[in-house]
Structures are given as C-alpha cells and as structure tokens.
mmCIF file of all heavy atoms, coordinates in Angstrom:
data_MODEL
# 
_entry.id   MODEL 
# 
loop_
_atom_site.group_PDB 
_atom_site.id 
_atom_site.type_symbol 
_atom_site.label_atom_id 
_atom_site.label_alt_id 
_atom_site.label_comp_id 
_atom_site.label_asym_id 
_atom_site.label_entity_id 
_atom_site.label_seq_id 
_atom_site.pdbx_PDB_ins_code 
_atom_site.Cartn_x 
_atom_site.Cartn_y 
_atom_site.Cartn_z 
_atom_site.occupancy 
_atom_site.B_iso_or_equiv 
_atom_site.pdbx_formal_charge 
_atom_site.auth_seq_id 
_atom_site.auth_comp_id 
_atom_site.auth_asym_id 
_atom_site.auth_atom_id 
_atom_site.pdbx_PDB_model_num 
ATOM 1   N N   . ILE A 1 1  ? -12.163 6.874   -29.749 1.00 0.00 ? 1  ILE A N   1 
ATOM 2   C CA  . ILE A 1 1  ? -11.493 6.123   -28.680 1.00 0.00 ? 1  ILE A CA  1 
ATOM 3   C C   . ILE A 1 1  ? -10.027 5.915   -29.043 1.00 0.00 ? 1  ILE A C   1 
ATOM 4   O O   . ILE A 1 1  ? -9.132  6.040   -28.192 1.00 0.00 ? 1  ILE A O   1 
ATOM 5   C CB  . ILE A 1 1  ? -12.202 4.777   -28.452 1.00 0.00 ? 1  ILE A CB  1 
ATOM 6   C CG1 . ILE A 1 1  ? -13.628 4.989   -27.947 1.00 0.00 ? 1  ILE A CG1 1 
ATOM 7   C CG2 . ILE A 1 1  ? -11.429 3.913   -27.454 1.00 0.00 ? 1  ILE A CG2 1 
ATOM 8   C CD1 . ILE A 1 1  ? -14.484 3.739   -27.956 1.00 0.00 ? 1  ILE A CD1 1 
ATOM 9   N N   . ARG A 1 2  ? -9.766  5.582   -30.307 1.00 0.00 ? 2  ARG A N   1 
ATOM 10  C CA  . ARG A 1 2  ? -8.386  5.369   -30.746 1.00 0.00 ? 2  ARG A CA  1 
ATOM 11  C C   . ARG A 1 2  ? -7.517  6.602   -30.526 1.00 0.00 ? 2  ARG A C   1 
ATOM 12  O O   . ARG A 1 2  ? -6.357  6.505   -30.124 1.00 0.00 ? 2  ARG A O   1 
ATOM 13  C CB  . ARG A 1 2  ? -8.367  5.005   -32.235 1.00 0.00 ? 2  ARG A CB  1 
ATOM 14  C CG  . ARG A 1 2  ? -8.839  3.609   -32.551 1.00 0.00 ? 2  ARG A CG  1 
ATOM 15  C CD  . ARG A 1 2  ? -9.105  3.431   -34.042 1.00 0.00 ? 2  ARG A CD  1 
ATOM 16  N NE  . ARG A 1 2  ? -8.002  3.927   -34.869 1.00 0.00 ? 2  ARG A NE  1 
ATOM 17  C CZ  . ARG A 1 2  ? -6.922  3.231   -35.175 1.00 0.00 ? 2  ARG A CZ  1 
ATOM 18  N NH1 . ARG A 1 2  ? -6.775  2.015   -34.699 1.00 0.00 ? 2  ARG A NH1 1 
ATOM 19  N NH2 . ARG A 1 2  ? -5.983  3.752   -35.938 1.00 0.00 ? 2  ARG A NH2 1 
ATOM 20  N N   . HIS A 1 3  ? -8.073  7.771   -30.794 1.00 0.00 ? 3  HIS A N   1 
ATOM 21  C CA  . HIS A 1 3  ? -7.295  8.999   -30.642 1.00 0.00 ? 3  HIS A CA  1 
ATOM 22  C C   . HIS A 1 3  ? -7.132  9.402   -29.181 1.00 0.00 ? 3  HIS A C   1 
ATOM 23  O O   . HIS A 1 3  ? -6.207  10.145  -28.844 1.00 0.00 ? 3  HIS A O   1 
ATOM 24  C CB  . HIS A 1 3  ? -7.949  10.134  -31.434 1.00 0.00 ? 3  HIS A CB  1 
ATOM 25  C CG  . HIS A 1 3  ? -7.737  10.036  -32.912 1.00 0.00 ? 3  HIS A CG  1 
ATOM 26  N ND1 . HIS A 1 3  ? -6.536  10.321  -33.515 1.00 0.00 ? 3  HIS A ND1 1 
ATOM 27  C CD2 . HIS A 1 3  ? -8.571  9.668   -33.921 1.00 0.00 ? 3  HIS A CD2 1 
ATOM 28  C CE1 . HIS A 1 3  ? -6.628  10.144  -34.822 1.00 0.00 ? 3  HIS A CE1 1 
ATOM 29  N NE2 . HIS A 1 3  ? -7.861  9.743   -35.099 1.00 0.00 ? 3  HIS A NE2 1 
ATOM 30  N N   . ALA A 1 4  ? -8.006  8.906   -28.313 1.00 0.00 ? 4  ALA A N   1 
ATOM 31  C CA  . ALA A 1 4  ? -7.980  9.310   -26.901 1.00 0.00 ? 4  ALA A CA  1 
ATOM 32  C C   . ALA A 1 4  ? -7.050  8.463   -26.054 1.00 0.00 ? 4  ALA A C   1 
ATOM 33  O O   . ALA A 1 4  ? -6.699  8.867   -24.938 1.00 0.00 ? 4  ALA A O   1 
ATOM 34  C CB  . ALA A 1 4  ? -9.389  9.260   -26.318 1.00 0.00 ? 4  ALA A CB  1 
ATOM 35  N N   . HIS A 1 5  ? -6.627  7.289   -26.550 1.00 0.00 ? 5  HIS A N   1 
ATOM 36  C CA  . HIS A 1 5  ? -5.884  6.348   -25.707 1.00 0.00 ? 5  HIS A CA  1 
ATOM 37  C C   . HIS A 1 5  ? -4.529  6.011   -26.302 1.00 0.00 ? 5  HIS A C   1 
ATOM 38  O O   . HIS A 1 5  ? -4.437  5.480   -27.409 1.00 0.00 ? 5  HIS A O   1 
ATOM 39  C CB  . HIS A 1 5  ? -6.692  5.058   -25.514 1.00 0.00 ? 5  HIS A CB  1 
ATOM 40  C CG  . HIS A 1 5  ? -7.836  5.205   -24.561 1.00 0.00 ? 5  HIS A CG  1 
ATOM 41  N ND1 . HIS A 1 5  ? -7.692  5.095   -23.193 1.00 0.00 ? 5  HIS A ND1 1 
ATOM 42  C CD2 . HIS A 1 5  ? -9.143  5.486   -24.778 1.00 0.00 ? 5  HIS A CD2 1 
ATOM 43  C CE1 . HIS A 1 5  ? -8.859  5.284   -22.611 1.00 0.00 ? 5  HIS A CE1 1 
ATOM 44  N NE2 . HIS A 1 5  ? -9.758  5.533   -23.547 1.00 0.00 ? 5  HIS A NE2 1 
ATOM 45  N N   . SER A 1 6  ? -3.475  6.278   -25.541 1.00 0.00 ? 6  SER A N   1 
ATOM 46  C CA  . SER A 1 6  ? -2.129  5.910   -25.975 1.00 0.00 ? 6  SER A CA  1 
ATOM 47  C C   . SER A 1 6  ? -1.974  4.397   -26.081 1.00 0.00 ? 6  SER A C   1 
ATOM 48  O O   . SER A 1 6  ? -1.159  3.904   -26.855 1.00 0.00 ? 6  SER A O   1 
ATOM 49  C CB  . SER A 1 6  ? -1.088  6.479   -25.010 1.00 0.00 ? 6  SER A CB  1 
ATOM 50  O OG  . SER A 1 6  ? -1.310  6.010   -23.689 1.00 0.00 ? 6  SER A OG  1 
ATOM 51  N N   . ALA A 1 7  ? -2.761  3.651   -25.293 1.00 0.00 ? 7  ALA A N   1 
ATOM 52  C CA  . ALA A 1 7  ? -2.695  2.188   -25.356 1.00 0.00 ? 7  ALA A CA  1 
ATOM 53  C C   . ALA A 1 7  ? -3.058  1.665   -26.739 1.00 0.00 ? 7  ALA A C   1 
ATOM 54  O O   . ALA A 1 7  ? -2.644  0.565   -27.118 1.00 0.00 ? 7  ALA A O   1 
ATOM 55  C CB  . ALA A 1 7  ? -3.624  1.576   -24.309 1.00 0.00 ? 7  ALA A CB  1 
ATOM 56  N N   . LEU A 1 8  ? -3.839  2.423   -27.491 1.00 0.00 ? 8  LEU A N   1 
ATOM 57  C CA  . LEU A 1 8  ? -4.271  1.992   -28.817 1.00 0.00 ? 8  LEU A CA  1 
ATOM 58  C C   . LEU A 1 8  ? -3.367  2.539   -29.921 1.00 0.00 ? 8  LEU A C   1 
ATOM 59  O O   . LEU A 1 8  ? -3.642  2.341   -31.103 1.00 0.00 ? 8  LEU A O   1 
ATOM 60  C CB  . LEU A 1 8  ? -5.723  2.428   -29.052 1.00 0.00 ? 8  LEU A CB  1 
ATOM 61  C CG  . LEU A 1 8  ? -6.725  1.899   -28.016 1.00 0.00 ? 8  LEU A CG  1 
ATOM 62  C CD1 . LEU A 1 8  ? -8.108  2.483   -28.267 1.00 0.00 ? 8  LEU A CD1 1 
ATOM 63  C CD2 . LEU A 1 8  ? -6.767  0.379   -28.017 1.00 0.00 ? 8  LEU A CD2 1 
ATOM 64  N N   . GLY A 1 9  ? -2.289  3.199   -29.538 1.00 0.00 ? 9  GLY A N   1 
ATOM 65  C CA  . GLY A 1 9  ? -1.345  3.739   -30.497 1.00 0.00 ? 9  GLY A CA  1 
ATOM 66  C C   . GLY A 1 9  ? -0.198  2.784   -30.769 1.00 0.00 ? 9  GLY A C   1 
ATOM 67  O O   . GLY A 1 9  ? -0.189  1.629   -30.324 1.00 0.00 ? 9  GLY A O   1 
ATOM 68  N N   . PRO A 1 10 ? 0.821   3.240   -31.473 1.00 0.00 ? 10 PRO A N   1 
ATOM 69  C CA  . PRO A 1 10 ? 1.919   2.360   -31.890 1.00 0.00 ? 10 PRO A CA  1 
ATOM 70  C C   . PRO A 1 10 ? 2.701   1.743   -30.744 1.00 0.00 ? 10 PRO A C   1 
ATOM 71  O O   . PRO A 1 10 ? 3.313   0.691   -30.918 1.00 0.00 ? 10 PRO A O   1 
ATOM 72  C CB  . PRO A 1 10 ? 2.822   3.300   -32.715 1.00 0.00 ? 10 PRO A CB  1 
ATOM 73  C CG  . PRO A 1 10 ? 1.955   4.433   -33.111 1.00 0.00 ? 10 PRO A CG  1 
ATOM 74  C CD  . PRO A 1 10 ? 0.949   4.598   -32.025 1.00 0.00 ? 10 PRO A CD  1 
ATOM 75  N N   . ARG A 1 11 ? 2.692   2.370   -29.556 1.00 0.00 ? 11 ARG A N   1 
ATOM 76  C CA  . ARG A 1 11 ? 3.490   1.846   -28.452 1.00 0.00 ? 11 ARG A CA  1 
ATOM 77  C C   . ARG A 1 11 ? 2.684   0.942   -27.524 1.00 0.00 ? 11 ARG A C   1 
ATOM 78  O O   . ARG A 1 11 ? 3.216   0.398   -26.557 1.00 0.00 ? 11 ARG A O   1 
ATOM 79  C CB  . ARG A 1 11 ? 4.110   3.008   -27.672 1.00 0.00 ? 11 ARG A CB  1 
ATOM 80  C CG  . ARG A 1 11 ? 4.983   3.908   -28.535 1.00 0.00 ? 11 ARG A CG  1 
ATOM 81  C CD  . ARG A 1 11 ? 5.552   5.070   -27.762 1.00 0.00 ? 11 ARG A CD  1 
ATOM 82  N NE  . ARG A 1 11 ? 6.542   4.632   -26.801 1.00 0.00 ? 11 ARG A NE  1 
ATOM 83  C CZ  . ARG A 1 11 ? 7.050   5.412   -25.852 1.00 0.00 ? 11 ARG A CZ  1 
ATOM 84  N NH1 . ARG A 1 11 ? 6.623   6.675   -25.750 1.00 0.00 ? 11 ARG A NH1 1 
ATOM 85  N NH2 . ARG A 1 11 ? 7.950   4.962   -25.014 1.00 0.00 ? 11 ARG A NH2 1 
ATOM 86  N N   . GLY A 1 12 ? 1.396   0.791   -27.790 1.00 0.00 ? 12 GLY A N   1 
ATOM 87  C CA  . GLY A 1 12 ? 0.567   -0.066  -26.966 1.00 0.00 ? 12 GLY A CA  1 
ATOM 88  C C   . GLY A 1 12 ? 0.893   -1.538  -27.186 1.00 0.00 ? 12 GLY A C   1 
ATOM 89  O O   . GLY A 1 12 ? 1.158   -1.974  -28.297 1.00 0.00 ? 12 GLY A O   1 
ATOM 90  N N   . GLN A 1 13 ? 0.856   -2.314  -26.121 1.00 0.00 ? 13 GLN A N   1 
ATOM 91  C CA  . GLN A 1 13 ? 1.155   -3.743  -26.188 1.00 0.00 ? 13 GLN A CA  1 
ATOM 92  C C   . GLN A 1 13 ? -0.137  -4.541  -26.110 1.00 0.00 ? 13 GLN A C   1 
ATOM 93  O O   . GLN A 1 13 ? -0.973  -4.295  -25.241 1.00 0.00 ? 13 GLN A O   1 
ATOM 94  C CB  . GLN A 1 13 ? 2.090   -4.162  -25.054 1.00 0.00 ? 13 GLN A CB  1 
ATOM 95  C CG  . GLN A 1 13 ? 2.496   -5.630  -25.114 1.00 0.00 ? 13 GLN A CG  1 
ATOM 96  C CD  . GLN A 1 13 ? 3.500   -5.995  -24.036 1.00 0.00 ? 13 GLN A CD  1 
ATOM 97  O OE1 . GLN A 1 13 ? 3.791   -5.209  -23.147 1.00 0.00 ? 13 GLN A OE1 1 
ATOM 98  N NE2 . GLN A 1 13 ? 4.046   -7.205  -24.118 1.00 0.00 ? 13 GLN A NE2 1 
ATOM 99  N N   . LEU A 1 14 ? -0.294  -5.487  -27.030 1.00 0.00 ? 14 LEU A N   1 
ATOM 100 C CA  . LEU A 1 14 ? -1.489  -6.321  -27.064 1.00 0.00 ? 14 LEU A CA  1 
ATOM 101 C C   . LEU A 1 14 ? -1.239  -7.612  -26.287 1.00 0.00 ? 14 LEU A C   1 
ATOM 102 O O   . LEU A 1 14 ? -0.205  -8.271  -26.462 1.00 0.00 ? 14 LEU A O   1 
ATOM 103 C CB  . LEU A 1 14 ? -1.879  -6.632  -28.506 1.00 0.00 ? 14 LEU A CB  1 
ATOM 104 C CG  . LEU A 1 14 ? -3.204  -7.368  -28.725 1.00 0.00 ? 14 LEU A CG  1 
ATOM 105 C CD1 . LEU A 1 14 ? -3.830  -6.931  -30.043 1.00 0.00 ? 14 LEU A CD1 1 
ATOM 106 C CD2 . LEU A 1 14 ? -3.044  -8.885  -28.709 1.00 0.00 ? 14 LEU A CD2 1 
ATOM 107 N N   . ARG A 1 15 ? -2.201  -7.971  -25.436 1.00 0.00 ? 15 ARG A N   1 
ATOM 108 C CA  . ARG A 1 15 ? -2.140  -9.239  -24.703 1.00 0.00 ? 15 ARG A CA  1 
ATOM 109 C C   . ARG A 1 15 ? -3.491  -9.931  -24.807 1.00 0.00 ? 15 ARG A C   1 
ATOM 110 O O   . ARG A 1 15 ? -4.527  -9.300  -24.593 1.00 0.00 ? 15 ARG A O   1 
ATOM 111 C CB  . ARG A 1 15 ? -1.806  -9.023  -23.221 1.00 0.00 ? 15 ARG A CB  1 
ATOM 112 C CG  . ARG A 1 15 ? -0.450  -8.411  -22.930 1.00 0.00 ? 15 ARG A CG  1 
ATOM 113 C CD  . ARG A 1 15 ? -0.232  -8.305  -21.434 1.00 0.00 ? 15 ARG A CD  1 
ATOM 114 N NE  . ARG A 1 15 ? 1.065   -7.765  -21.094 1.00 0.00 ? 15 ARG A NE  1 
ATOM 115 C CZ  . ARG A 1 15 ? 1.326   -6.481  -20.883 1.00 0.00 ? 15 ARG A CZ  1 
ATOM 116 N NH1 . ARG A 1 15 ? 0.335   -5.585  -21.009 1.00 0.00 ? 15 ARG A NH1 1 
ATOM 117 N NH2 . ARG A 1 15 ? 2.527   -6.065  -20.560 1.00 0.00 ? 15 ARG A NH2 1 
ATOM 118 N N   . LEU A 1 16 ? -3.469  -11.210 -25.089 1.00 0.00 ? 16 LEU A N   1 
ATOM 119 C CA  . LEU A 1 16 ? -4.694  -11.999 -25.061 1.00 0.00 ? 16 LEU A CA  1 
ATOM 120 C C   . LEU A 1 16 ? -5.078  -12.281 -23.612 1.00 0.00 ? 16 LEU A C   1 
ATOM 121 O O   . LEU A 1 16 ? -4.219  -12.566 -22.772 1.00 0.00 ? 16 LEU A O   1 
ATOM 122 C CB  . LEU A 1 16 ? -4.499  -13.316 -25.805 1.00 0.00 ? 16 LEU A CB  1 
ATOM 123 C CG  . LEU A 1 16 ? -4.229  -13.196 -27.312 1.00 0.00 ? 16 LEU A CG  1 
ATOM 124 C CD1 . LEU A 1 16 ? -3.833  -14.550 -27.885 1.00 0.00 ? 16 LEU A CD1 1 
ATOM 125 C CD2 . LEU A 1 16 ? -5.445  -12.652 -28.037 1.00 0.00 ? 16 LEU A CD2 1 
ATOM 126 N N   . GLN A 1 17 ? -6.365  -12.195 -23.320 1.00 0.00 ? 17 GLN A N   1 
ATOM 127 C CA  . GLN A 1 17 ? -6.889  -12.546 -22.003 1.00 0.00 ? 17 GLN A CA  1 
ATOM 128 C C   . GLN A 1 17 ? -7.834  -13.739 -22.170 1.00 0.00 ? 17 GLN A C   1 
ATOM 129 O O   . GLN A 1 17 ? -8.221  -14.095 -23.289 1.00 0.00 ? 17 GLN A O   1 
ATOM 130 C CB  . GLN A 1 17 ? -7.598  -11.350 -21.375 1.00 0.00 ? 17 GLN A CB  1 
ATOM 131 C CG  . GLN A 1 17 ? -6.746  -10.086 -21.263 1.00 0.00 ? 17 GLN A CG  1 
ATOM 132 C CD  . GLN A 1 17 ? -5.593  -10.218 -20.270 1.00 0.00 ? 17 GLN A CD  1 
ATOM 133 O OE1 . GLN A 1 17 ? -5.595  -11.098 -19.404 1.00 0.00 ? 17 GLN A OE1 1 
ATOM 134 N NE2 . GLN A 1 17 ? -4.600  -9.334  -20.386 1.00 0.00 ? 17 GLN A NE2 1 
ATOM 135 N N   . ARG A 1 18 ? -8.210  -14.361 -21.060 1.00 0.00 ? 18 ARG A N   1 
ATOM 136 C CA  . ARG A 1 18 ? -8.958  -15.618 -21.129 1.00 0.00 ? 18 ARG A CA  1 
ATOM 137 C C   . ARG A 1 18 ? -10.453 -15.422 -20.927 1.00 0.00 ? 18 ARG A C   1 
ATOM 138 O O   . ARG A 1 18 ? -10.876 -14.598 -20.111 1.00 0.00 ? 18 ARG A O   1 
ATOM 139 C CB  . ARG A 1 18 ? -8.433  -16.591 -20.071 1.00 0.00 ? 18 ARG A CB  1 
ATOM 140 C CG  . ARG A 1 18 ? -7.057  -17.175 -20.400 1.00 0.00 ? 18 ARG A CG  1 
ATOM 141 C CD  . ARG A 1 18 ? -6.591  -18.091 -19.297 1.00 0.00 ? 18 ARG A CD  1 
ATOM 142 N NE  . ARG A 1 18 ? -6.245  -17.330 -18.096 1.00 0.00 ? 18 ARG A NE  1 
ATOM 143 C CZ  . ARG A 1 18 ? -6.094  -17.853 -16.893 1.00 0.00 ? 18 ARG A CZ  1 
ATOM 144 N NH1 . ARG A 1 18 ? -6.285  -19.143 -16.711 1.00 0.00 ? 18 ARG A NH1 1 
ATOM 145 N NH2 . ARG A 1 18 ? -5.764  -17.103 -15.862 1.00 0.00 ? 18 ARG A NH2 1 
ATOM 146 N N   . ALA A 1 19 ? -11.210 -16.210 -21.671 1.00 0.00 ? 19 ALA A N   1 
ATOM 147 C CA  . ALA A 1 19 ? -12.658 -16.305 -21.487 1.00 0.00 ? 19 ALA A CA  1 
ATOM 148 C C   . ALA A 1 19 ? -13.055 -17.755 -21.701 1.00 0.00 ? 19 ALA A C   1 
ATOM 149 O O   . ALA A 1 19 ? -12.553 -18.408 -22.624 1.00 0.00 ? 19 ALA A O   1 
ATOM 150 C CB  . ALA A 1 19 ? -13.401 -15.398 -22.462 1.00 0.00 ? 19 ALA A CB  1 
ATOM 151 N N   . ASP A 1 20 ? -13.959 -18.283 -20.855 1.00 0.00 ? 20 ASP A N   1 
ATOM 152 C CA  . ASP A 1 20 ? -14.317 -19.700 -20.910 1.00 0.00 ? 20 ASP A CA  1 
ATOM 153 C C   . ASP A 1 20 ? -15.461 -19.964 -21.888 1.00 0.00 ? 20 ASP A C   1 
ATOM 154 O O   . ASP A 1 20 ? -16.356 -20.779 -21.622 1.00 0.00 ? 20 ASP A O   1 
ATOM 155 C CB  . ASP A 1 20 ? -14.667 -20.217 -19.517 1.00 0.00 ? 20 ASP A CB  1 
ATOM 156 C CG  . ASP A 1 20 ? -15.843 -19.490 -18.887 1.00 0.00 ? 20 ASP A CG  1 
ATOM 157 O OD1 . ASP A 1 20 ? -16.346 -18.526 -19.507 1.00 0.00 ? 20 ASP A OD1 1 
ATOM 158 O OD2 . ASP A 1 20 ? -16.266 -19.870 -17.774 1.00 0.00 ? 20 ASP A OD2 1 
ATOM 159 N N   . ASN A 1 21 ? -15.440 -19.290 -23.015 1.00 0.00 ? 21 ASN A N   1 
ATOM 160 C CA  . ASN A 1 21 ? -16.450 -19.475 -24.044 1.00 0.00 ? 21 ASN A CA  1 
ATOM 161 C C   . ASN A 1 21 ? -15.774 -19.231 -25.387 1.00 0.00 ? 21 ASN A C   1 
ATOM 162 O O   . ASN A 1 21 ? -15.152 -18.182 -25.599 1.00 0.00 ? 21 ASN A O   1 
ATOM 163 C CB  . ASN A 1 21 ? -17.618 -18.492 -23.843 1.00 0.00 ? 21 ASN A CB  1 
ATOM 164 C CG  . ASN A 1 21 ? -18.734 -18.670 -24.842 1.00 0.00 ? 21 ASN A CG  1 
ATOM 165 O OD1 . ASN A 1 21 ? -18.521 -19.114 -25.970 1.00 0.00 ? 21 ASN A OD1 1 
ATOM 166 N ND2 . ASN A 1 21 ? -19.944 -18.304 -24.456 1.00 0.00 ? 21 ASN A ND2 1 
ATOM 167 N N   . ASP A 1 22 ? -15.891 -20.184 -26.302 1.00 0.00 ? 22 ASP A N   1 
ATOM 168 C CA  . ASP A 1 22 ? -15.212 -20.072 -27.593 1.00 0.00 ? 22 ASP A CA  1 
ATOM 169 C C   . ASP A 1 22 ? -15.811 -19.010 -28.499 1.00 0.00 ? 22 ASP A C   1 
ATOM 170 O O   . ASP A 1 22 ? -15.299 -18.764 -29.597 1.00 0.00 ? 22 ASP A O   1 
ATOM 171 C CB  . ASP A 1 22 ? -15.238 -21.425 -28.314 1.00 0.00 ? 22 ASP A CB  1 
ATOM 172 C CG  . ASP A 1 22 ? -14.262 -22.420 -27.710 1.00 0.00 ? 22 ASP A CG  1 
ATOM 173 O OD1 . ASP A 1 22 ? -13.357 -21.979 -26.985 1.00 0.00 ? 22 ASP A OD1 1 
ATOM 174 O OD2 . ASP A 1 22 ? -14.413 -23.633 -27.967 1.00 0.00 ? 22 ASP A OD2 1 
ATOM 175 N N   . GLN A 1 23 ? -16.896 -18.388 -28.064 1.00 0.00 ? 23 GLN A N   1 
ATOM 176 C CA  . GLN A 1 23 ? -17.485 -17.294 -28.839 1.00 0.00 ? 23 GLN A CA  1 
ATOM 177 C C   . GLN A 1 23 ? -17.132 -15.925 -28.269 1.00 0.00 ? 23 GLN A C   1 
ATOM 178 O O   . GLN A 1 23 ? -17.541 -14.907 -28.833 1.00 0.00 ? 23 GLN A O   1 
ATOM 179 C CB  . GLN A 1 23 ? -19.011 -17.446 -28.902 1.00 0.00 ? 23 GLN A CB  1 
ATOM 180 C CG  . GLN A 1 23 ? -19.489 -18.666 -29.657 1.00 0.00 ? 23 GLN A CG  1 
ATOM 181 C CD  . GLN A 1 23 ? -19.135 -18.621 -31.131 1.00 0.00 ? 23 GLN A CD  1 
ATOM 182 O OE1 . GLN A 1 23 ? -18.949 -17.555 -31.708 1.00 0.00 ? 23 GLN A OE1 1 
ATOM 183 N NE2 . GLN A 1 23 ? -19.030 -19.787 -31.745 1.00 0.00 ? 23 GLN A NE2 1 
ATOM 184 N N   . ILE A 1 24 ? -16.383 -15.893 -27.186 1.00 0.00 ? 24 ILE A N   1 
ATOM 185 C CA  . ILE A 1 24 ? -16.006 -14.614 -26.568 1.00 0.00 ? 24 ILE A CA  1 
ATOM 186 C C   . ILE A 1 24 ? -14.499 -14.427 -26.702 1.00 0.00 ? 24 ILE A C   1 
ATOM 187 O O   . ILE A 1 24 ? -13.699 -15.214 -26.181 1.00 0.00 ? 24 ILE A O   1 
ATOM 188 C CB  . ILE A 1 24 ? -16.412 -14.556 -25.076 1.00 0.00 ? 24 ILE A CB  1 
ATOM 189 C CG1 . ILE A 1 24 ? -17.913 -14.712 -24.924 1.00 0.00 ? 24 ILE A CG1 1 
ATOM 190 C CG2 . ILE A 1 24 ? -15.918 -13.251 -24.449 1.00 0.00 ? 24 ILE A CG2 1 
ATOM 191 C CD1 . ILE A 1 24 ? -18.728 -13.531 -25.409 1.00 0.00 ? 24 ILE A CD1 1 
# 
C-alpha cells in the first residue's frame, strides 16, 4: 500500500480526523 500511494510518500500531508471514542 505504501508503494502504491503518493499520499503515503514524503509529500503526503497528515491530518488528524475526529472520532467520538477514545479508543479509535
């Protein structure tokens, strides 16, 4: 998956998203 997606490469930007459970 890492090799197939540019989003997972050096130029990909990470953003936190919300979940209403402290275990997710």
